[in-house]
Amino acid sequence: MDNVINSFTGNYSFFSNFHPAIIQFEGLNYPTVEHAYQASKSKEYFFRKLIVALPANKAGLAKKRGQTIRLRSDWKDVQIDIMHSLLCYKFKQEPFRTKLLETEDAIIIEGNYWHDNNWGDCGCKDCKDISGENWLGRLIMDIRSQIIEKDNCYRRYS
């Protein structure tokens, strides 16, 4: 395939949810999308304050902490919309907006080797015959389309 971005490294590292970007979510400013997403798994203010206090270079720790929290009751219903909202917030900001638009009509795939076939598409030998859902790539492409068409992206989660 021509015009495919299948790795969030190098020139495309800004697509990563671990990339530093101030993300405002429900009154708190998180240092990365990953921090905000993990915090959004719970409605407990104490947990959110623990996550927001972690610096940007600790997004992996935020992810680990998010795996230990008791999930909010509506998590399965809202997780995609929350991620869209967080990505929308990120890609409305510069320089992310310009960098996203520079990808033009590229297909964006969150290629990985850690078996994440929900948010991305794992390319390891064990997953090579599994087509990932690539929700992260799909949401980013949706936001790009919204910005191109409406010069803005709208938040689906409220």
C-alpha atoms as a PDB file:
ATOM      1  CA  MET A   1       0.000   0.000   0.000  1.00  0.00           C
ATOM      2  CA  ASP A   2       1.199   3.482  -0.813  1.00  0.00           C
ATOM      3  CA  ASN A   3       0.895   6.305   1.650  1.00  0.00           C
ATOM      4  CA  VAL A   4       0.652   4.218   4.813  1.00  0.00           C
ATOM      5  CA  ILE A   5       1.971   5.226   8.216  1.00  0.00           C
ATOM      6  CA  ASN A   6       2.286   2.027  10.229  1.00  0.00           C
ATOM      7  CA  SER A   7       4.592   3.009  13.055  1.00  0.00           C
ATOM      8  CA  PHE A   8       4.374   5.800  15.589  1.00  0.00           C
ATOM      9  CA  THR A   9       8.162   6.275  15.685  1.00  0.00           C
ATOM     10  CA  GLY A  10      10.624   8.681  14.084  1.00  0.00           C
ATOM     11  CA  ASN A  11       8.836  11.457  12.188  1.00  0.00           C
ATOM     12  CA  TYR A  12       5.521  10.001  13.349  1.00  0.00           C
ATOM     13  CA  SER A  13       6.300   9.659  17.058  1.00  0.00           C
ATOM     14  CA  PHE A  14       3.928  12.569  17.695  1.00  0.00           C
ATOM     15  CA  PHE A  15       1.019  10.160  17.016  1.00  0.00           C
ATOM     16  CA  SER A  16       1.916   8.123  20.098  1.00  0.00           C
ATOM     17  CA  ASN A  17      -0.259   8.576  23.162  1.00  0.00           C
ATOM     18  CA  PHE A  18       2.999   8.624  25.136  1.00  0.00           C
ATOM     19  CA  HIS A  19       4.211  11.756  23.304  1.00  0.00           C
ATOM     20  CA  PRO A  20       4.133  14.861  25.536  1.00  0.00           C
ATOM     21  CA  ALA A  21       1.047  16.991  24.913  1.00  0.00           C
ATOM     22  CA  ILE A  22      -1.012  18.846  27.501  1.00  0.00           C
ATOM     23  CA  ILE A  23      -4.457  17.242  27.499  1.00  0.00           C
ATOM     24  CA  GLN A  24      -7.291  18.809  29.441  1.00  0.00           C
ATOM     25  CA  PHE A  25      -9.868  16.347  30.686  1.00  0.00           C
ATOM     26  CA  GLU A  26     -12.575  17.079  33.215  1.00  0.00           C
ATOM     27  CA  GLY A  27     -10.743  19.943  34.883  1.00  0.00           C
ATOM     28  CA  LEU A  28      -7.228  18.487  35.016  1.00  0.00           C
ATOM     29  CA  ASN A  29      -4.277  19.001  32.651  1.00  0.00           C
ATOM     30  CA  TYR A  30      -2.504  15.723  31.908  1.00  0.00           C
ATOM     31  CA  PRO A  31       0.990  15.562  30.359  1.00  0.00           C
ATOM     32  CA  THR A  32       0.056  12.990  27.681  1.00  0.00           C
ATOM     33  CA  VAL A  33      -3.004  11.412  26.097  1.00  0.00           C
ATOM     34  CA  GLU A  34      -2.025   8.157  27.829  1.00  0.00           C
ATOM     35  CA  HIS A  35      -2.160   9.805  31.257  1.00  0.00           C
ATOM     36  CA  ALA A  36      -5.598  11.284  30.554  1.00  0.00           C
ATOM     37  CA  TYR A  37      -6.938   8.041  29.105  1.00  0.00           C
ATOM     38  CA  GLN A  38      -5.779   5.973  32.078  1.00  0.00           C
ATOM     39  CA  ALA A  39      -7.207   8.528  34.516  1.00  0.00           C
ATOM     40  CA  SER A  40     -10.535   8.478  32.686  1.00  0.00           C
ATOM     41  CA  LYS A  41     -10.977   4.789  33.527  1.00  0.00           C
ATOM     42  CA  SER A  42     -12.041   5.840  37.005  1.00  0.00           C
ATOM     43  CA  LYS A  43     -14.238   8.591  38.333  1.00  0.00           C
ATOM     44  CA  GLU A  44     -12.289   8.587  41.599  1.00  0.00           C
ATOM     45  CA  TYR A  45     -10.642  12.001  42.027  1.00  0.00           C
ATOM     46  CA  PHE A  46      -7.845  10.522  44.164  1.00  0.00           C
ATOM     47  CA  PHE A  47      -6.827   8.146  41.380  1.00  0.00           C
ATOM     48  CA  ARG A  48      -6.925  10.920  38.799  1.00  0.00           C
ATOM     49  CA  LYS A  49      -4.700  13.093  40.980  1.00  0.00           C
ATOM     50  CA  LEU A  50      -2.188  10.221  41.232  1.00  0.00           C
ATOM     51  CA  ILE A  51      -2.052   9.956  37.448  1.00  0.00           C
ATOM     52  CA  VAL A  52      -1.909  13.676  36.699  1.00  0.00           C
ATOM     53  CA  ALA A  53       1.035  14.025  39.102  1.00  0.00           C
ATOM     54  CA  LEU A  54       3.181  11.682  37.017  1.00  0.00           C
ATOM     55  CA  PRO A  55       5.527  13.494  34.590  1.00  0.00           C
ATOM     56  CA  ALA A  56       5.204  13.020  30.819  1.00  0.00           C
ATOM     57  CA  ASN A  57       8.112  10.565  30.704  1.00  0.00           C
ATOM     58  CA  LYS A  58       6.170   8.238  33.038  1.00  0.00           C
ATOM     59  CA  ALA A  59       3.308   7.445  30.641  1.00  0.00           C
ATOM     60  CA  GLY A  60       4.191   3.758  30.951  1.00  0.00           C
ATOM     61  CA  LEU A  61       3.689   3.951  34.716  1.00  0.00           C
ATOM     62  CA  ALA A  62       0.365   5.716  34.163  1.00  0.00           C
ATOM     63  CA  LYS A  63      -0.650   2.818  31.908  1.00  0.00           C
ATOM     64  CA  LYS A  64       0.367   0.259  34.544  1.00  0.00           C
ATOM     65  CA  ARG A  65      -1.609   2.081  37.220  1.00  0.00           C
ATOM     66  CA  GLY A  66      -4.603   2.208  34.889  1.00  0.00           C
ATOM     67  CA  GLN A  67      -4.511  -1.582  34.656  1.00  0.00           C
ATOM     68  CA  THR A  68      -4.972  -1.913  38.412  1.00  0.00           C
ATOM     69  CA  ILE A  69      -7.912   0.430  38.973  1.00  0.00           C
ATOM     70  CA  ARG A  70     -11.482  -0.749  39.273  1.00  0.00           C
ATOM     71  CA  LEU A  71     -13.055   0.439  36.030  1.00  0.00           C
ATOM     72  CA  ARG A  72     -15.958   2.837  36.015  1.00  0.00           C
ATOM     73  CA  SER A  73     -19.242   1.046  35.385  1.00  0.00           C
ATOM     74  CA  ASP A  74     -19.786   2.506  31.903  1.00  0.00           C
ATOM     75  CA  TRP A  75     -16.204   1.973  30.687  1.00  0.00           C
ATOM     76  CA  LYS A  76     -17.012  -0.424  27.839  1.00  0.00           C
ATOM     77  CA  ASP A  77     -19.574   2.061  26.512  1.00  0.00           C
ATOM     78  CA  VAL A  78     -17.434   5.223  26.686  1.00  0.00           C
ATOM     79  CA  GLN A  79     -13.794   4.237  26.146  1.00  0.00           C
ATOM     80  CA  ILE A  80     -13.732   4.845  22.371  1.00  0.00           C
ATOM     81  CA  ASP A  81     -15.520   8.178  22.677  1.00  0.00           C
ATOM     82  CA  ILE A  82     -13.209   9.258  25.482  1.00  0.00           C
ATOM     83  CA  MET A  83     -10.152   8.400  23.389  1.00  0.00           C
ATOM     84  CA  HIS A  84     -11.631  10.362  20.482  1.00  0.00           C
ATOM     85  CA  SER A  85     -12.167  13.328  22.770  1.00  0.00           C
ATOM     86  CA  LEU A  86      -8.602  13.210  24.098  1.00  0.00           C
ATOM     87  CA  LEU A  87      -7.119  12.869  20.605  1.00  0.00           C
ATOM     88  CA  CYS A  88      -9.318  15.700  19.369  1.00  0.00           C
ATOM     89  CA  TYR A  89      -7.976  17.914  22.136  1.00  0.00           C
ATOM     90  CA  LYS A  90      -4.401  16.962  21.194  1.00  0.00           C
ATOM     91  CA  PHE A  91      -4.751  17.443  17.446  1.00  0.00           C
ATOM     92  CA  LYS A  92      -6.474  20.818  17.715  1.00  0.00           C
ATOM     93  CA  GLN A  93      -3.207  22.085  19.238  1.00  0.00           C
ATOM     94  CA  GLU A  94      -0.095  23.111  17.360  1.00  0.00           C
ATOM     95  CA  PRO A  95       2.225  21.636  16.249  1.00  0.00           C
ATOM     96  CA  PHE A  96       0.117  18.455  16.254  1.00  0.00           C
ATOM     97  CA  ARG A  97      -2.600  19.912  14.025  1.00  0.00           C
ATOM     98  CA  THR A  98      -0.170  20.903  11.281  1.00  0.00           C
ATOM     99  CA  LYS A  99       1.737  17.626  11.497  1.00  0.00           C
ATOM    100  CA  LEU A 100      -1.499  15.657  11.240  1.00  0.00           C
ATOM    101  CA  LEU A 101      -2.665  17.640   8.213  1.00  0.00           C
ATOM    102  CA  GLU A 102       0.716  17.106   6.548  1.00  0.00           C
ATOM    103  CA  THR A 103      -0.081  13.380   6.422  1.00  0.00           C
ATOM    104  CA  GLU A 104      -2.783  14.278   3.849  1.00  0.00           C
ATOM    105  CA  ASP A 105      -4.684  11.076   3.023  1.00  0.00           C
ATOM    106  CA  ALA A 106      -2.230   8.572   4.485  1.00  0.00           C
ATOM    107  CA  ILE A 107      -3.657   5.486   6.106  1.00  0.00           C
ATOM    108  CA  ILE A 108      -2.623   5.593   9.761  1.00  0.00           C
ATOM    109  CA  ILE A 109      -2.046   2.303  11.555  1.00  0.00           C
ATOM    110  CA  GLU A 110      -0.826   1.985  15.117  1.00  0.00           C
ATOM    111  CA  GLY A 111       1.555  -0.851  14.287  1.00  0.00           C
ATOM    112  CA  ASN A 112       3.001  -2.565  17.334  1.00  0.00           C
ATOM    113  CA  TYR A 113       4.627  -5.751  18.619  1.00  0.00           C
ATOM    114  CA  TRP A 114       2.989  -5.897  22.065  1.00  0.00           C
ATOM    115  CA  HIS A 115      -0.182  -7.714  20.980  1.00  0.00           C
ATOM    116  CA  ASP A 116      -2.475  -4.679  20.992  1.00  0.00           C
ATOM    117  CA  ASN A 117      -4.987  -5.585  18.321  1.00  0.00           C
ATOM    118  CA  ASN A 118      -7.677  -3.346  19.742  1.00  0.00           C
ATOM    119  CA  TRP A 119      -6.010   0.083  19.526  1.00  0.00           C
ATOM    120  CA  GLY A 120      -3.557  -1.014  16.855  1.00  0.00           C
ATOM    121  CA  ASP A 121      -2.399  -3.875  14.673  1.00  0.00           C
ATOM    122  CA  CYS A 122       0.268  -6.141  16.123  1.00  0.00           C
ATOM    123  CA  GLY A 123       2.791  -7.413  13.612  1.00  0.00           C
ATOM    124  CA  CYS A 124       4.498 -10.068  15.737  1.00  0.00           C
ATOM    125  CA  LYS A 125       4.730 -13.663  14.512  1.00  0.00           C
ATOM    126  CA  ASP A 126       1.905 -14.736  16.856  1.00  0.00           C
ATOM    127  CA  CYS A 127      -0.466 -12.043  15.567  1.00  0.00           C
ATOM    128  CA  LYS A 128       0.487 -11.917  11.898  1.00  0.00           C
ATOM    129  CA  ASP A 129      -2.755 -13.629  10.840  1.00  0.00           C
ATOM    130  CA  ILE A 130      -4.913 -11.384  13.042  1.00  0.00           C
ATOM    131  CA  SER A 131      -6.189  -8.120  11.633  1.00  0.00           C
ATOM    132  CA  GLY A 132      -6.132  -5.516  14.379  1.00  0.00           C
ATOM    133  CA  GLU A 133      -9.046  -3.168  14.988  1.00  0.00           C
ATOM    134  CA  ASN A 134      -6.652  -0.179  14.809  1.00  0.00           C
ATOM    135  CA  TRP A 135      -8.994   2.063  16.784  1.00  0.00           C
ATOM    136  CA  LEU A 136      -6.213   4.576  17.462  1.00  0.00           C
ATOM    137  CA  GLY A 137      -5.369   4.961  13.785  1.00  0.00           C
ATOM    138  CA  ARG A 138      -9.036   5.092  12.800  1.00  0.00           C
ATOM    139  CA  LEU A 139      -9.798   7.806  15.348  1.00  0.00           C
ATOM    140  CA  ILE A 140      -6.802   9.895  14.258  1.00  0.00           C
ATOM    141  CA  MET A 141      -7.880   9.628  10.603  1.00  0.00           C
ATOM    142  CA  ASP A 142     -11.431  10.611  11.597  1.00  0.00           C
ATOM    143  CA  ILE A 143     -10.120  13.676  13.434  1.00  0.00           C
ATOM    144  CA  ARG A 144      -7.971  14.597  10.425  1.00  0.00           C
ATOM    145  CA  SER A 145     -11.075  14.434   8.201  1.00  0.00           C
ATOM    146  CA  GLN A 146     -13.050  16.600  10.622  1.00  0.00           C
ATOM    147  CA  ILE A 147     -10.296  19.222  10.713  1.00  0.00           C
ATOM    148  CA  ILE A 148     -10.028  19.234   6.901  1.00  0.00           C
ATOM    149  CA  GLU A 149     -13.802  19.477   6.405  1.00  0.00           C
ATOM    150  CA  LYS A 150     -14.799  21.747   9.286  1.00  0.00           C
ATOM    151  CA  ASP A 151     -11.466  23.277  10.409  1.00  0.00           C
ATOM    152  CA  ASN A 152     -12.225  21.726  13.789  1.00  0.00           C
ATOM    153  CA  CYS A 153     -12.913  18.375  15.345  1.00  0.00           C
ATOM    154  CA  TYR A 154     -15.876  17.781  17.520  1.00  0.00           C
ATOM    155  CA  ARG A 155     -15.850  15.869  20.719  1.00  0.00           C
ATOM    156  CA  ARG A 156     -18.077  12.850  20.704  1.00  0.00           C
ATOM    157  CA  TYR A 157     -17.821  12.310  24.444  1.00  0.00           C
ATOM    158  CA  SER A 158     -19.488  14.807  26.726  1.00  0.00           C
END
